[in-house]
């Protein structure tokens, strides 16, 4: 079953607020102190969105927004989009960005 895509305006503010809550430091600056201290600025990592159980995919655009919002140049690849069935341990998509580690908490 093919579902229509979500309108990004319906979720971008929610994602931004979740990221702000996770990443705003004491001075009010939006940054991931751990990533900035340990990950070189030019480094990129690949993250996979893998299913823990058989399911019907939903919300991958929202999960990807967690990477896109703070890093617009982050690359996303979708293998199984919303409405597709997915088996346990199969990847629905991938992201390639500097901030894979910190955004994984918010995108779950």
N, C-alpha and C. Protein backbone atom coordinates (compact mmCIF):
# COMPACT_ATOMS: atom_id res chain seq x y z
N UNK A 1 0.84 -1.18 0.00
CA UNK A 1 0.00 0.00 0.00
C UNK A 1 0.89 1.25 0.00
N UNK A 2 0.67 2.13 -0.93
CA UNK A 2 1.45 3.37 -1.05
C UNK A 2 0.72 4.49 -0.32
N UNK A 3 1.40 5.08 0.64
CA UNK A 3 0.82 6.17 1.41
C UNK A 3 1.33 7.50 0.86
N UNK A 4 0.51 8.55 0.95
CA UNK A 4 1.00 9.86 0.50
C UNK A 4 2.07 10.37 1.46
N UNK A 5 3.04 11.13 0.96
CA UNK A 5 4.08 11.65 1.86
C UNK A 5 3.49 12.65 2.84
N UNK A 6 4.11 12.72 4.01
CA UNK A 6 3.71 13.72 5.01
C UNK A 6 4.16 15.10 4.55
N UNK A 7 3.41 16.10 4.91
CA UNK A 7 3.80 17.47 4.64
C UNK A 7 4.85 17.85 5.69
N UNK A 8 6.06 18.23 5.28
CA UNK A 8 7.11 18.57 6.25
C UNK A 8 6.69 19.63 7.27
N UNK A 9 5.78 20.51 6.90
CA UNK A 9 5.32 21.53 7.85
C UNK A 9 4.61 20.92 9.05
N UNK A 10 4.12 19.67 8.87
CA UNK A 10 3.41 19.00 9.96
C UNK A 10 4.36 18.46 11.03
N UNK A 11 5.65 18.31 10.72
CA UNK A 11 6.56 17.71 11.71
C UNK A 11 7.85 18.48 11.95
N UNK A 12 8.20 19.43 11.12
CA UNK A 12 9.48 20.12 11.29
C UNK A 12 9.60 20.84 12.62
N UNK A 13 8.56 21.48 13.10
CA UNK A 13 8.63 22.19 14.37
C UNK A 13 8.81 21.21 15.53
N UNK A 14 8.11 20.09 15.47
CA UNK A 14 8.23 19.07 16.53
C UNK A 14 9.65 18.52 16.58
N UNK A 15 10.23 18.24 15.42
CA UNK A 15 11.60 17.73 15.37
C UNK A 15 12.56 18.78 15.91
N UNK A 16 12.38 20.03 15.51
CA UNK A 16 13.27 21.10 15.97
C UNK A 16 13.22 21.23 17.49
N UNK A 17 12.03 21.16 18.07
CA UNK A 17 11.91 21.26 19.52
C UNK A 17 12.57 20.07 20.22
N UNK A 18 12.43 18.88 19.65
CA UNK A 18 13.08 17.71 20.26
C UNK A 18 14.60 17.85 20.19
N UNK A 19 15.12 18.33 19.06
CA UNK A 19 16.56 18.54 18.94
C UNK A 19 17.03 19.63 19.91
N UNK A 20 16.27 20.69 20.01
CA UNK A 20 16.65 21.77 20.93
C UNK A 20 16.73 21.27 22.36
N UNK A 21 15.77 20.47 22.76
CA UNK A 21 15.76 19.93 24.12
C UNK A 21 16.98 19.05 24.36
N UNK A 22 17.38 18.30 23.34
CA UNK A 22 18.50 17.38 23.47
C UNK A 22 19.85 18.07 23.35
N UNK A 23 19.90 19.19 22.64
CA UNK A 23 21.20 19.74 22.26
C UNK A 23 21.51 21.15 22.74
N UNK A 24 20.57 21.87 23.32
CA UNK A 24 20.85 23.24 23.76
C UNK A 24 21.74 23.19 25.01
N UNK A 25 22.84 23.93 24.98
CA UNK A 25 23.73 23.94 26.14
C UNK A 25 23.34 25.04 27.13
N UNK A 26 24.07 25.16 28.21
CA UNK A 26 23.74 26.11 29.28
C UNK A 26 23.74 27.55 28.79
N UNK A 27 24.53 27.86 27.78
CA UNK A 27 24.59 29.22 27.24
C UNK A 27 23.48 29.49 26.24
N UNK A 28 22.67 28.46 25.92
CA UNK A 28 21.58 28.63 24.96
C UNK A 28 21.99 28.37 23.52
N UNK A 29 23.20 27.87 23.32
CA UNK A 29 23.68 27.56 21.97
C UNK A 29 23.29 26.14 21.59
N UNK A 30 22.87 25.95 20.34
CA UNK A 30 22.50 24.62 19.86
C UNK A 30 23.76 23.91 19.37
N UNK A 31 24.26 22.99 20.17
CA UNK A 31 25.43 22.23 19.74
C UNK A 31 25.50 20.93 20.54
N UNK A 32 26.13 19.96 19.95
CA UNK A 32 26.35 18.68 20.60
C UNK A 32 27.80 18.70 21.09
N UNK A 33 27.97 18.96 22.36
CA UNK A 33 29.31 19.14 22.93
C UNK A 33 30.18 17.90 22.69
N UNK A 34 29.62 16.72 22.88
CA UNK A 34 30.39 15.48 22.70
C UNK A 34 30.86 15.34 21.26
N UNK A 35 29.94 15.52 20.30
CA UNK A 35 30.32 15.39 18.89
C UNK A 35 31.35 16.43 18.49
N UNK A 36 31.15 17.65 18.94
CA UNK A 36 32.11 18.70 18.58
C UNK A 36 33.49 18.45 19.18
N UNK A 37 33.55 17.82 20.33
CA UNK A 37 34.83 17.56 20.99
C UNK A 37 35.53 16.33 20.44
N UNK A 38 34.77 15.39 19.88
CA UNK A 38 35.38 14.11 19.51
C UNK A 38 35.33 13.77 18.03
N UNK A 39 34.52 14.47 17.25
CA UNK A 39 34.37 14.16 15.82
C UNK A 39 34.97 15.29 15.00
N UNK A 40 35.99 15.00 14.18
CA UNK A 40 36.57 16.05 13.34
C UNK A 40 35.51 16.67 12.42
N UNK A 41 35.65 17.96 12.15
CA UNK A 41 34.65 18.69 11.36
C UNK A 41 34.43 18.07 9.99
N UNK A 42 35.44 17.49 9.38
CA UNK A 42 35.30 16.92 8.04
C UNK A 42 34.81 15.47 8.05
N UNK A 43 34.72 14.88 9.22
CA UNK A 43 34.32 13.46 9.30
C UNK A 43 32.84 13.29 8.97
N UNK A 44 32.50 12.18 8.34
CA UNK A 44 31.13 11.80 8.04
C UNK A 44 30.95 10.35 8.45
N UNK A 45 29.75 10.01 8.84
CA UNK A 45 29.44 8.63 9.24
C UNK A 45 28.18 8.19 8.52
N UNK A 46 28.00 6.90 8.46
CA UNK A 46 26.83 6.32 7.82
C UNK A 46 25.97 5.67 8.90
N UNK A 47 24.71 6.03 8.94
CA UNK A 47 23.78 5.43 9.89
C UNK A 47 22.72 4.64 9.15
N UNK A 48 22.27 3.55 9.77
CA UNK A 48 21.23 2.72 9.16
C UNK A 48 19.99 2.74 10.03
N UNK A 49 18.84 2.76 9.41
CA UNK A 49 17.56 2.63 10.11
C UNK A 49 17.13 1.18 9.94
N UNK A 50 17.29 0.40 11.00
CA UNK A 50 17.06 -1.05 10.95
C UNK A 50 15.87 -1.40 11.85
N UNK A 51 15.03 -2.28 11.37
CA UNK A 51 13.84 -2.69 12.12
C UNK A 51 14.16 -3.75 13.17
N UNK A 52 13.57 -3.59 14.34
CA UNK A 52 13.73 -4.58 15.42
C UNK A 52 12.70 -5.69 15.33
N UNK A 53 11.68 -5.52 14.50
CA UNK A 53 10.63 -6.51 14.34
C UNK A 53 10.00 -6.32 12.96
N UNK A 54 9.33 -7.35 12.45
CA UNK A 54 8.60 -7.21 11.21
C UNK A 54 7.59 -6.07 11.38
N UNK A 55 7.44 -5.23 10.36
CA UNK A 55 6.57 -4.08 10.51
C UNK A 55 6.16 -3.52 9.15
N UNK A 56 5.33 -2.50 9.20
CA UNK A 56 5.03 -1.67 8.04
C UNK A 56 5.73 -0.34 8.29
N UNK A 57 6.54 0.08 7.37
CA UNK A 57 7.33 1.31 7.54
C UNK A 57 6.42 2.53 7.61
N UNK A 58 6.78 3.43 8.51
CA UNK A 58 6.05 4.69 8.64
C UNK A 58 6.94 5.71 9.35
N UNK A 59 6.95 6.93 8.85
CA UNK A 59 7.63 8.01 9.53
C UNK A 59 9.11 8.18 9.22
N UNK A 60 9.60 7.56 8.17
CA UNK A 60 11.02 7.68 7.87
C UNK A 60 11.41 9.13 7.56
N UNK A 61 10.53 9.88 6.91
CA UNK A 61 10.83 11.29 6.64
C UNK A 61 11.03 12.07 7.94
N UNK A 62 10.25 11.75 8.95
CA UNK A 62 10.38 12.43 10.24
C UNK A 62 11.73 12.08 10.88
N UNK A 63 12.09 10.80 10.83
CA UNK A 63 13.39 10.38 11.38
C UNK A 63 14.53 11.07 10.63
N UNK A 64 14.45 11.14 9.31
CA UNK A 64 15.49 11.80 8.52
C UNK A 64 15.57 13.29 8.84
N UNK A 65 14.45 13.90 9.19
CA UNK A 65 14.45 15.33 9.51
C UNK A 65 15.37 15.63 10.71
N UNK A 66 15.54 14.65 11.59
CA UNK A 66 16.44 14.83 12.73
C UNK A 66 17.88 15.05 12.29
N UNK A 67 18.23 14.58 11.11
CA UNK A 67 19.57 14.78 10.56
C UNK A 67 19.60 16.00 9.64
N UNK A 68 18.53 16.20 8.88
CA UNK A 68 18.45 17.30 7.93
C UNK A 68 18.36 18.67 8.61
N UNK A 69 17.60 18.77 9.69
CA UNK A 69 17.35 20.07 10.33
C UNK A 69 18.65 20.78 10.71
N UNK A 70 19.55 20.13 11.45
CA UNK A 70 20.78 20.82 11.83
C UNK A 70 21.88 20.73 10.77
N UNK A 71 21.72 19.83 9.83
CA UNK A 71 22.77 19.61 8.82
C UNK A 71 22.12 19.40 7.46
N UNK A 72 21.68 20.49 6.79
CA UNK A 72 20.94 20.36 5.54
C UNK A 72 21.66 19.57 4.45
N UNK A 73 22.98 19.51 4.52
CA UNK A 73 23.74 18.77 3.50
C UNK A 73 23.80 17.26 3.77
N UNK A 74 23.21 16.81 4.87
CA UNK A 74 23.19 15.37 5.18
C UNK A 74 22.48 14.63 4.05
N UNK A 75 23.01 13.48 3.68
CA UNK A 75 22.45 12.69 2.59
C UNK A 75 21.56 11.58 3.15
N UNK A 76 20.44 11.33 2.50
CA UNK A 76 19.51 10.29 2.93
C UNK A 76 19.21 9.37 1.76
N UNK A 77 19.11 8.09 2.05
CA UNK A 77 18.72 7.10 1.05
C UNK A 77 17.61 6.25 1.64
N UNK A 78 16.50 6.12 0.92
CA UNK A 78 15.37 5.31 1.39
C UNK A 78 15.33 4.04 0.55
N UNK A 79 15.31 2.90 1.22
CA UNK A 79 15.19 1.61 0.53
C UNK A 79 13.77 1.08 0.58
N UNK A 80 13.08 1.32 1.67
CA UNK A 80 11.69 0.86 1.84
C UNK A 80 10.92 2.03 2.45
N UNK A 81 10.08 2.68 1.69
CA UNK A 81 9.38 3.86 2.15
C UNK A 81 8.12 3.56 2.95
N UNK A 82 7.46 4.61 3.38
CA UNK A 82 6.22 4.48 4.16
C UNK A 82 5.23 3.57 3.45
N UNK A 83 4.63 2.66 4.21
CA UNK A 83 3.65 1.73 3.69
C UNK A 83 4.24 0.40 3.25
N UNK A 84 5.56 0.32 3.12
CA UNK A 84 6.21 -0.93 2.70
C UNK A 84 6.38 -1.86 3.90
N UNK A 85 6.28 -3.14 3.67
CA UNK A 85 6.55 -4.09 4.74
C UNK A 85 8.06 -4.25 4.88
N UNK A 86 8.49 -4.45 6.11
CA UNK A 86 9.91 -4.61 6.39
C UNK A 86 10.10 -5.76 7.36
N UNK A 87 11.12 -6.54 7.13
CA UNK A 87 11.43 -7.67 7.99
C UNK A 87 12.44 -7.27 9.06
N UNK A 88 12.44 -8.01 10.15
CA UNK A 88 13.38 -7.79 11.24
C UNK A 88 14.80 -7.75 10.70
N UNK A 89 15.58 -6.82 11.20
CA UNK A 89 17.01 -6.64 10.90
C UNK A 89 17.26 -6.15 9.47
N UNK A 90 16.25 -5.73 8.76
CA UNK A 90 16.44 -5.17 7.42
C UNK A 90 16.45 -3.65 7.50
N UNK A 91 17.32 -3.03 6.73
CA UNK A 91 17.44 -1.58 6.74
C UNK A 91 16.35 -0.94 5.88
N UNK A 92 15.70 0.07 6.42
CA UNK A 92 14.73 0.86 5.66
C UNK A 92 15.42 1.99 4.91
N UNK A 93 16.50 2.49 5.47
CA UNK A 93 17.19 3.60 4.84
C UNK A 93 18.51 3.88 5.52
N UNK A 94 19.23 4.82 4.96
CA UNK A 94 20.55 5.19 5.45
C UNK A 94 20.67 6.70 5.50
N UNK A 95 21.53 7.18 6.35
CA UNK A 95 21.90 8.59 6.36
C UNK A 95 23.42 8.68 6.36
N UNK A 96 23.93 9.70 5.76
CA UNK A 96 25.36 9.94 5.71
C UNK A 96 25.58 11.38 6.15
N UNK A 97 26.10 11.57 7.35
CA UNK A 97 26.24 12.92 7.89
C UNK A 97 27.31 12.95 8.97
N UNK A 98 27.63 14.13 9.42
CA UNK A 98 28.61 14.29 10.50
C UNK A 98 28.02 13.91 11.85
N UNK A 99 26.73 14.11 12.01
CA UNK A 99 26.12 14.01 13.32
C UNK A 99 25.30 12.75 13.54
N UNK A 100 25.65 11.65 12.91
CA UNK A 100 24.89 10.40 13.07
C UNK A 100 24.75 10.00 14.53
N UNK A 101 25.80 10.13 15.30
CA UNK A 101 25.75 9.66 16.69
C UNK A 101 24.74 10.43 17.53
N UNK A 102 24.77 11.74 17.47
CA UNK A 102 23.90 12.51 18.35
C UNK A 102 22.46 12.51 17.88
N UNK A 103 22.18 12.45 16.61
CA UNK A 103 20.81 12.52 16.13
C UNK A 103 20.06 11.21 16.27
N UNK A 104 20.77 10.12 16.45
CA UNK A 104 20.11 8.83 16.61
C UNK A 104 19.17 8.79 17.80
N UNK A 105 19.50 9.47 18.87
CA UNK A 105 18.64 9.48 20.06
C UNK A 105 17.29 10.11 19.76
N UNK A 106 17.29 11.19 19.00
CA UNK A 106 16.05 11.92 18.74
C UNK A 106 15.23 11.23 17.65
N UNK A 107 15.88 10.59 16.69
CA UNK A 107 15.15 10.00 15.56
C UNK A 107 14.48 8.68 15.88
N UNK A 108 14.72 8.11 17.05
CA UNK A 108 14.14 6.80 17.38
C UNK A 108 12.67 6.90 17.65
